[in-house]
PDB file of N, CA and C in Angstrom:
ATOM      1  N   MET A   1       0.876  -1.165  -0.378  1.00  0.00           N
ATOM      2  CA  MET A   1      -0.053   0.012  -0.586  1.00  0.00           C
ATOM      3  C   MET A   1       1.044   1.283  -0.665  1.00  0.00           C
ATOM      4  N   ASP A   2       0.183   2.603  -0.780  1.00  0.00           N
ATOM      5  CA  ASP A   2       0.901   3.339  -0.977  1.00  0.00           C
ATOM      6  C   ASP A   2       0.720   4.166   0.196  1.00  0.00           C
ATOM      7  N   TYR A   3       1.900   4.889   0.628  1.00  0.00           N
ATOM      8  CA  TYR A   3       1.326   5.761   2.372  1.00  0.00           C
ATOM      9  C   TYR A   3       1.507   7.579   1.558  1.00  0.00           C
ATOM     10  N   SER A   4       0.782   7.439   0.377  1.00  0.00           N
ATOM     11  CA  SER A   4       1.589   9.110   0.137  1.00  0.00           C
ATOM     12  C   SER A   4       1.131  10.020   0.609  1.00  0.00           C
ATOM     13  N   GLU A   5       1.404  11.320   0.228  1.00  0.00           N
ATOM     14  CA  GLU A   5       0.997  12.508   1.015  1.00  0.00           C
ATOM     15  C   GLU A   5      -1.217  12.297   0.971  1.00  0.00           C
ATOM     16  N   SER A   6      -0.951  12.170  -0.192  1.00  0.00           N
ATOM     17  CA  SER A   6      -2.469  12.532  -0.758  1.00  0.00           C
ATOM     18  C   SER A   6      -3.545  11.350  -0.286  1.00  0.00           C
ATOM     19  N   MET A   7      -2.934  10.179   0.382  1.00  0.00           N
ATOM     20  CA  MET A   7      -3.987   9.548   1.555  1.00  0.00           C
ATOM     21  C   MET A   7      -4.589  10.041   2.799  1.00  0.00           C
ATOM     22  N   PHE A   8      -4.032  11.248   3.102  1.00  0.00           N
ATOM     23  CA  PHE A   8      -4.484  11.560   4.228  1.00  0.00           C
ATOM     24  C   PHE A   8      -4.389  13.057   4.096  1.00  0.00           C
ATOM     25  N   LYS A   9      -4.547  13.859   3.147  1.00  0.00           N
ATOM     26  CA  LYS A   9      -5.561  14.840   2.787  1.00  0.00           C
ATOM     27  C   LYS A   9      -6.321  15.281   3.719  1.00  0.00           C
ATOM     28  N   GLY A  10      -7.008  16.342   4.624  1.00  0.00           N
ATOM     29  CA  GLY A  10      -8.793  15.928   4.670  1.00  0.00           C
ATOM     30  C   GLY A  10      -8.072  15.304   5.621  1.00  0.00           C
ATOM     31  N   LYS A  11      -7.600  14.464   6.149  1.00  0.00           N
ATOM     32  CA  LYS A  11      -7.897  13.585   7.105  1.00  0.00           C
ATOM     33  C   LYS A  11      -6.567  13.854   8.577  1.00  0.00           C
ATOM     34  N   GLY A  12      -6.903  13.900   9.588  1.00  0.00           N
ATOM     35  CA  GLY A  12      -6.276  13.062  10.609  1.00  0.00           C
ATOM     36  C   GLY A  12      -4.891  12.340  10.150  1.00  0.00           C
ATOM     37  N   ARG A  13      -3.986  12.905  10.768  1.00  0.00           N
ATOM     38  CA  ARG A  13      -2.496  12.190  10.678  1.00  0.00           C
ATOM     39  C   ARG A  13      -2.194  11.234  11.962  1.00  0.00           C
ATOM     40  N   TYR A  14      -2.919  11.060  12.486  1.00  0.00           N
ATOM     41  CA  TYR A  14      -2.420  10.577  14.219  1.00  0.00           C
ATOM     42  C   TYR A  14      -3.949   9.984  13.948  1.00  0.00           C
ATOM     43  N   PRO A  15      -3.811   8.865  15.507  1.00  0.00           N
ATOM     44  CA  PRO A  15      -5.404   7.885  15.657  1.00  0.00           C
ATOM     45  C   PRO A  15      -5.809   8.540  16.871  1.00  0.00           C
ATOM     46  N   PRO A  16      -6.520   8.678  16.720  1.00  0.00           N
ATOM     47  CA  PRO A  16      -7.744   9.439  17.432  1.00  0.00           C
ATOM     48  C   PRO A  16      -8.288   8.548  18.985  1.00  0.00           C
ATOM     49  N   TRP A  17      -6.919   8.816  19.160  1.00  0.00           N
ATOM     50  CA  TRP A  17      -7.081   8.249  21.045  1.00  0.00           C
ATOM     51  C   TRP A  17      -5.981   8.423  22.004  1.00  0.00           C
ATOM     52  N   SER A  18      -5.904   8.188  23.146  1.00  0.00           N
ATOM     53  CA  SER A  18      -5.471   8.928  24.242  1.00  0.00           C
ATOM     54  C   SER A  18      -3.900   8.515  24.213  1.00  0.00           C
ATOM     55  N   MET A  19      -2.827   9.732  23.889  1.00  0.00           N
ATOM     56  CA  MET A  19      -1.426   9.337  24.622  1.00  0.00           C
ATOM     57  C   MET A  19      -1.105   8.592  25.585  1.00  0.00           C
ATOM     58  N   ARG A  20      -1.693   9.509  26.532  1.00  0.00           N
ATOM     59  CA  ARG A  20      -1.606   9.809  28.186  1.00  0.00           C
ATOM     60  C   ARG A  20      -3.106   8.772  29.119  1.00  0.00           C
ATOM     61  N   PRO A  21      -3.396   8.243  29.840  1.00  0.00           N
ATOM     62  CA  PRO A  21      -4.395   8.106  30.574  1.00  0.00           C
ATOM     63  C   PRO A  21      -5.247   9.231  31.104  1.00  0.00           C
ATOM     64  N   SER A  22      -6.263   8.435  31.615  1.00  0.00           N
ATOM     65  CA  SER A  22      -7.336   9.731  31.641  1.00  0.00           C
ATOM     66  C   SER A  22      -7.112  10.193  32.877  1.00  0.00           C
ATOM     67  N   LEU A  23      -7.901  11.012  33.772  1.00  0.00           N
ATOM     68  CA  LEU A  23      -8.120  10.942  35.669  1.00  0.00           C
ATOM     69  C   LEU A  23      -8.655   9.757  35.103  1.00  0.00           C
ATOM     70  N   LYS A  24      -9.956   9.439  34.961  1.00  0.00           N
ATOM     71  CA  LYS A  24     -10.529   8.327  35.557  1.00  0.00           C
ATOM     72  C   LYS A  24     -10.168   7.543  36.093  1.00  0.00           C
ATOM     73  N   GLU A  25      -9.133   6.756  34.687  1.00  0.00           N
ATOM     74  CA  GLU A  25      -7.972   5.343  35.384  1.00  0.00           C
ATOM     75  C   GLU A  25      -6.831   6.124  36.041  1.00  0.00           C
ATOM     76  N   MET A  26      -5.955   7.202  36.107  1.00  0.00           N
ATOM     77  CA  MET A  26      -5.489   7.272  36.900  1.00  0.00           C
ATOM     78  C   MET A  26      -5.848   7.403  38.430  1.00  0.00           C
ATOM     79  N   THR A  27      -7.400   7.969  39.083  1.00  0.00           N
ATOM     80  CA  THR A  27      -7.715   7.534  40.113  1.00  0.00           C
ATOM     81  C   THR A  27      -8.623   6.296  40.545  1.00  0.00           C
ATOM     82  N   GLU A  28      -8.497   5.276  39.487  1.00  0.00           N
ATOM     83  CA  GLU A  28      -8.879   3.866  39.439  1.00  0.00           C
ATOM     84  C   GLU A  28      -8.145   3.077  39.947  1.00  0.00           C
ATOM     85  N   GLU A  29      -6.723   3.810  39.476  1.00  0.00           N
ATOM     86  CA  GLU A  29      -5.317   3.480  39.858  1.00  0.00           C
ATOM     87  C   GLU A  29      -5.288   2.777  41.410  1.00  0.00           C
ATOM     88  N   LEU A  30      -5.106   4.477  41.901  1.00  0.00           N
ATOM     89  CA  LEU A  30      -5.156   4.765  42.512  1.00  0.00           C
ATOM     90  C   LEU A  30      -5.691   4.375  43.979  1.00  0.00           C
ATOM     91  N   GLY A  31      -7.054   4.406  42.868  1.00  0.00           N
ATOM     92  CA  GLY A  31      -8.588   3.594  44.662  1.00  0.00           C
ATOM     93  C   GLY A  31      -9.264   4.395  45.111  1.00  0.00           C
ATOM     94  N   ILE A  32      -9.331   5.896  44.180  1.00  0.00           N
ATOM     95  CA  ILE A  32     -10.003   7.043  44.936  1.00  0.00           C
ATOM     96  C   ILE A  32     -10.909   7.711  44.427  1.00  0.00           C
ATOM     97  N   ASP A  33     -11.637   8.029  45.285  1.00  0.00           N
ATOM     98  CA  ASP A  33     -13.870   8.333  43.923  1.00  0.00           C
ATOM     99  C   ASP A  33     -12.789   9.558  42.437  1.00  0.00           C
ATOM    100  N   HIS A  34     -13.240   9.282  42.066  1.00  0.00           N
ATOM    101  CA  HIS A  34     -13.054  10.386  40.840  1.00  0.00           C
ATOM    102  C   HIS A  34     -14.283  11.430  40.531  1.00  0.00           C
ATOM    103  N   ASP A  35     -15.748  11.242  41.055  1.00  0.00           N
ATOM    104  CA  ASP A  35     -16.049  12.602  41.028  1.00  0.00           C
ATOM    105  C   ASP A  35     -16.002  13.570  43.065  1.00  0.00           C
ATOM    106  N   ALA A  36     -15.310  12.806  43.023  1.00  0.00           N
ATOM    107  CA  ALA A  36     -15.259  13.102  43.912  1.00  0.00           C
ATOM    108  C   ALA A  36     -13.379  14.365  44.417  1.00  0.00           C
ATOM    109  N   LEU A  37     -13.069  14.153  43.727  1.00  0.00           N
ATOM    110  CA  LEU A  37     -11.686  14.167  43.504  1.00  0.00           C
ATOM    111  C   LEU A  37     -11.809  15.419  42.633  1.00  0.00           C
ATOM    112  N   VAL A  38     -12.708  15.571  41.683  1.00  0.00           N
ATOM    113  CA  VAL A  38     -13.383  16.190  40.560  1.00  0.00           C
ATOM    114  C   VAL A  38     -13.566  17.616  41.140  1.00  0.00           C
ATOM    115  N   ASN A  39     -14.518  17.486  42.323  1.00  0.00           N
ATOM    116  CA  ASN A  39     -15.417  18.407  43.000  1.00  0.00           C
ATOM    117  C   ASN A  39     -14.302  19.031  43.735  1.00  0.00           C
ATOM    118  N   CYS A  40     -13.266  18.308  44.251  1.00  0.00           N
ATOM    119  CA  CYS A  40     -12.112  18.963  45.474  1.00  0.00           C
ATOM    120  C   CYS A  40     -11.472  20.034  44.108  1.00  0.00           C
ATOM    121  N   PHE A  41     -10.714  19.884  43.133  1.00  0.00           N
ATOM    122  CA  PHE A  41     -10.840  20.622  41.870  1.00  0.00           C
ATOM    123  C   PHE A  41     -11.814  21.435  41.479  1.00  0.00           C
ATOM    124  N   ARG A  42     -12.724  21.860  41.346  1.00  0.00           N
ATOM    125  CA  ARG A  42     -14.078  22.640  41.767  1.00  0.00           C
ATOM    126  C   ARG A  42     -13.863  23.386  42.399  1.00  0.00           C
ATOM    127  N   ASN A  43     -13.657  22.737  43.312  1.00  0.00           N
ATOM    128  CA  ASN A  43     -13.715  23.649  44.952  1.00  0.00           C
ATOM    129  C   ASN A  43     -12.558  24.051  45.675  1.00  0.00           C
ATOM    130  N   ASP A  44     -12.056  24.778  44.365  1.00  0.00           N
ATOM    131  CA  ASP A  44     -10.117  25.308  44.703  1.00  0.00           C
ATOM    132  C   ASP A  44      -9.504  23.873  45.960  1.00  0.00           C
ATOM    133  N   CYS A  45      -9.307  22.924  46.190  1.00  0.00           N
ATOM    134  CA  CYS A  45      -9.155  22.522  47.043  1.00  0.00           C
ATOM    135  C   CYS A  45      -6.618  22.572  47.128  1.00  0.00           C
ATOM    136  N   SER A  46      -6.599  22.649  47.918  1.00  0.00           N
ATOM    137  CA  SER A  46      -5.394  22.640  47.853  1.00  0.00           C
ATOM    138  C   SER A  46      -4.517  21.169  47.604  1.00  0.00           C
ATOM    139  N   SER A  47      -3.075  21.360  46.999  1.00  0.00           N
ATOM    140  CA  SER A  47      -2.798  19.136  47.284  1.00  0.00           C
ATOM    141  C   SER A  47      -3.498  19.465  47.464  1.00  0.00           C
ATOM    142  N   GLN A  48      -2.344  19.764  49.391  1.00  0.00           N
ATOM    143  CA  GLN A  48      -2.126  19.542  50.519  1.00  0.00           C
ATOM    144  C   GLN A  48      -3.745  18.469  51.451  1.00  0.00           C
ATOM    145  N   GLU A  49      -4.719  19.356  50.751  1.00  0.00           N
ATOM    146  CA  GLU A  49      -6.624  18.730  51.541  1.00  0.00           C
ATOM    147  C   GLU A  49      -6.838  17.723  50.433  1.00  0.00           C
ATOM    148  N   ILE A  50      -6.095  17.311  49.701  1.00  0.00           N
ATOM    149  CA  ILE A  50      -6.227  16.865  48.484  1.00  0.00           C
ATOM    150  C   ILE A  50      -6.221  15.201  49.153  1.00  0.00           C
ATOM    151  N   ALA A  51      -4.339  15.400  49.256  1.00  0.00           N
ATOM    152  CA  ALA A  51      -4.070  14.144  50.178  1.00  0.00           C
ATOM    153  C   ALA A  51      -4.620  13.987  51.351  1.00  0.00           C
ATOM    154  N   VAL A  52      -5.040  14.921  51.910  1.00  0.00           N
ATOM    155  CA  VAL A  52      -5.672  13.966  53.592  1.00  0.00           C
ATOM    156  C   VAL A  52      -7.210  13.340  53.621  1.00  0.00           C
ATOM    157  N   ARG A  53      -7.201  14.057  52.409  1.00  0.00           N
ATOM    158  CA  ARG A  53      -9.127  13.759  51.818  1.00  0.00           C
ATOM    159  C   ARG A  53      -8.465  11.750  51.699  1.00  0.00           C
ATOM    160  N   PHE A  54      -7.780  11.430  51.140  1.00  0.00           N
ATOM    161  CA  PHE A  54      -8.010  10.508  49.963  1.00  0.00           C
ATOM    162  C   PHE A  54      -6.597   9.872  50.313  1.00  0.00           C
ATOM    163  N   GLY A  55      -6.015  10.185  51.321  1.00  0.00           N
ATOM    164  CA  GLY A  55      -4.749   9.511  51.597  1.00  0.00           C
ATOM    165  C   GLY A  55      -4.131   9.038  51.016  1.00  0.00           C
ATOM    166  N   ILE A  56      -3.044  10.107  50.053  1.00  0.00           N
ATOM    167  CA  ILE A  56      -2.287  10.410  48.479  1.00  0.00           C
ATOM    168  C   ILE A  56      -1.011  10.582  49.685  1.00  0.00           C
ATOM    169  N   ASN A  57      -0.263  10.762  48.461  1.00  0.00           N
ATOM    170  CA  ASN A  57       0.939  11.408  49.012  1.00  0.00           C
ATOM    171  C   ASN A  57       0.515  13.068  48.606  1.00  0.00           C
ATOM    172  N   PRO A  58       1.067  14.056  48.692  1.00  0.00           N
ATOM    173  CA  PRO A  58       0.689  15.623  48.297  1.00  0.00           C
ATOM    174  C   PRO A  58       1.046  15.775  46.740  1.00  0.00           C
ATOM    175  N   GLU A  59       2.723  14.798  46.552  1.00  0.00           N
ATOM    176  CA  GLU A  59       3.247  15.283  45.500  1.00  0.00           C
ATOM    177  C   GLU A  59       2.234  14.417  43.920  1.00  0.00           C
ATOM    178  N   THR A  60       1.114  13.693  45.171  1.00  0.00           N
ATOM    179  CA  THR A  60       0.318  12.530  43.490  1.00  0.00           C
ATOM    180  C   THR A  60      -0.051  13.209  43.832  1.00  0.00           C
ATOM    181  N   ALA A  61      -1.464  14.133  45.048  1.00  0.00           N
ATOM    182  CA  ALA A  61      -2.395  15.127  44.588  1.00  0.00           C
ATOM    183  C   ALA A  61      -1.924  16.058  43.519  1.00  0.00           C
ATOM    184  N   GLU A  62      -0.596  17.057  43.728  1.00  0.00           N
ATOM    185  CA  GLU A  62      -0.190  17.995  43.378  1.00  0.00           C
ATOM    186  C   GLU A  62      -0.197  17.800  41.485  1.00  0.00           C
ATOM    187  N   ARG A  63       0.771  16.044  41.324  1.00  0.00           N
ATOM    188  CA  ARG A  63       0.058  15.935  40.091  1.00  0.00           C
ATOM    189  C   ARG A  63      -0.837  15.625  38.874  1.00  0.00           C
ATOM    190  N   LEU A  64      -1.845  15.130  40.155  1.00  0.00           N
ATOM    191  CA  LEU A  64      -3.528  14.657  40.150  1.00  0.00           C
ATOM    192  C   LEU A  64      -3.884  15.738  39.068  1.00  0.00           C
ATOM    193  N   LYS A  65      -3.555  17.492  39.829  1.00  0.00           N
ATOM    194  CA  LYS A  65      -4.375  18.853  39.859  1.00  0.00           C
ATOM    195  C   LYS A  65      -3.876  19.129  38.403  1.00  0.00           C
ATOM    196  N   ASP A  66      -2.233  18.697  38.648  1.00  0.00           N
ATOM    197  CA  ASP A  66      -1.635  20.176  37.487  1.00  0.00           C
ATOM    198  C   ASP A  66      -1.985  18.376  36.268  1.00  0.00           C
ATOM    199  N   HIS A  67      -1.900  17.162  36.012  1.00  0.00           N
ATOM    200  CA  HIS A  67      -2.981  16.470  35.195  1.00  0.00           C
ATOM    201  C   HIS A  67      -4.452  17.282  34.300  1.00  0.00           C
ATOM    202  N   PHE A  68      -5.506  16.739  35.371  1.00  0.00           N
ATOM    203  CA  PHE A  68      -6.144  17.641  35.130  1.00  0.00           C
ATOM    204  C   PHE A  68      -6.461  19.245  34.702  1.00  0.00           C
ATOM    205  N   LEU A  69      -6.048  20.049  35.571  1.00  0.00           N
ATOM    206  CA  LEU A  69      -5.706  21.643  34.864  1.00  0.00           C
ATOM    207  C   LEU A  69      -5.484  21.637  32.765  1.00  0.00           C
ATOM    208  N   ARG A  70      -4.092  20.456  32.836  1.00  0.00           N
ATOM    209  CA  ARG A  70      -3.550  20.942  31.544  1.00  0.00           C
ATOM    210  C   ARG A  70      -4.579  19.419  30.304  1.00  0.00           C
ATOM    211  N   TYR A  71      -5.149  18.471  31.231  1.00  0.00           N
ATOM    212  CA  TYR A  71      -5.200  18.069  30.173  1.00  0.00           C
ATOM    213  C   TYR A  71      -7.287  17.013  29.811  1.00  0.00           C
ATOM    214  N   GLY A  72      -7.342  18.359  30.843  1.00  0.00           N
ATOM    215  CA  GLY A  72      -9.379  18.216  31.327  1.00  0.00           C
ATOM    216  C   GLY A  72      -9.167  16.843  32.091  1.00  0.00           C
ATOM    217  N   ILE A  73     -10.119  15.591  31.763  1.00  0.00           N
ATOM    218  CA  ILE A  73     -10.597  14.789  32.095  1.00  0.00           C
ATOM    219  C   ILE A  73     -10.602  13.824  31.655  1.00  0.00           C
ATOM    220  N   GLY A  74      -9.738  14.056  30.652  1.00  0.00           N
ATOM    221  CA  GLY A  74      -9.363  13.049  29.500  1.00  0.00           C
ATOM    222  C   GLY A  74      -8.354  13.645  28.621  1.00  0.00           C
ATOM    223  N   SER A  75      -7.565  13.565  28.044  1.00  0.00           N
ATOM    224  CA  SER A  75      -6.833  14.352  26.030  1.00  0.00           C
ATOM    225  C   SER A  75      -7.270  13.213  25.111  1.00  0.00           C
ATOM    226  N   ILE A  76      -7.833  13.319  24.259  1.00  0.00           N
ATOM    227  CA  ILE A  76      -7.759  12.594  23.336  1.00  0.00           C
ATOM    228  C   ILE A  76      -7.328  13.630  22.020  1.00  0.00           C
ATOM    229  N   MET A  77      -5.945  12.528  21.694  1.00  0.00           N
ATOM    230  CA  MET A  77      -5.287  12.563  20.701  1.00  0.00           C
ATOM    231  C   MET A  77      -5.910  12.670  19.307  1.00  0.00           C
ATOM    232  N   GLY A  78      -5.562  13.254  18.240  1.00  0.00           N
ATOM    233  CA  GLY A  78      -5.860  13.130  17.057  1.00  0.00           C
ATOM    234  C   GLY A  78      -5.027  14.086  15.877  1.00  0.00           C
ATOM    235  N   GLY A  79      -5.529  13.602  14.870  1.00  0.00           N
ATOM    236  CA  GLY A  79      -4.459  14.351  14.260  1.00  0.00           C
ATOM    237  C   GLY A  79      -5.874  15.212  13.034  1.00  0.00           C
ATOM    238  N   ASP A  80      -7.073  16.045  13.838  1.00  0.00           N
ATOM    239  CA  ASP A  80      -8.599  16.378  13.292  1.00  0.00           C
ATOM    240  C   ASP A  80      -7.837  17.899  13.362  1.00  0.00           C
TER     241      ASP A  80
END
């Protein structure tokens, strides 16, 4: 099969799926409630407050918050 530029004209060049785990997947892996975590973000809880509430490391809480602020609940990558 010829993968010339014309094949991709008007189409995305990259697959339409995430290149990183979603926030839901991350919370499942940690065993914490996804919706409760999102509510903490909505209420502007500090990373320390999140860490205490969910029994996780403050650095982990900070990374979850950063992930949410950068990518939202899920990040779909694609060429569209």
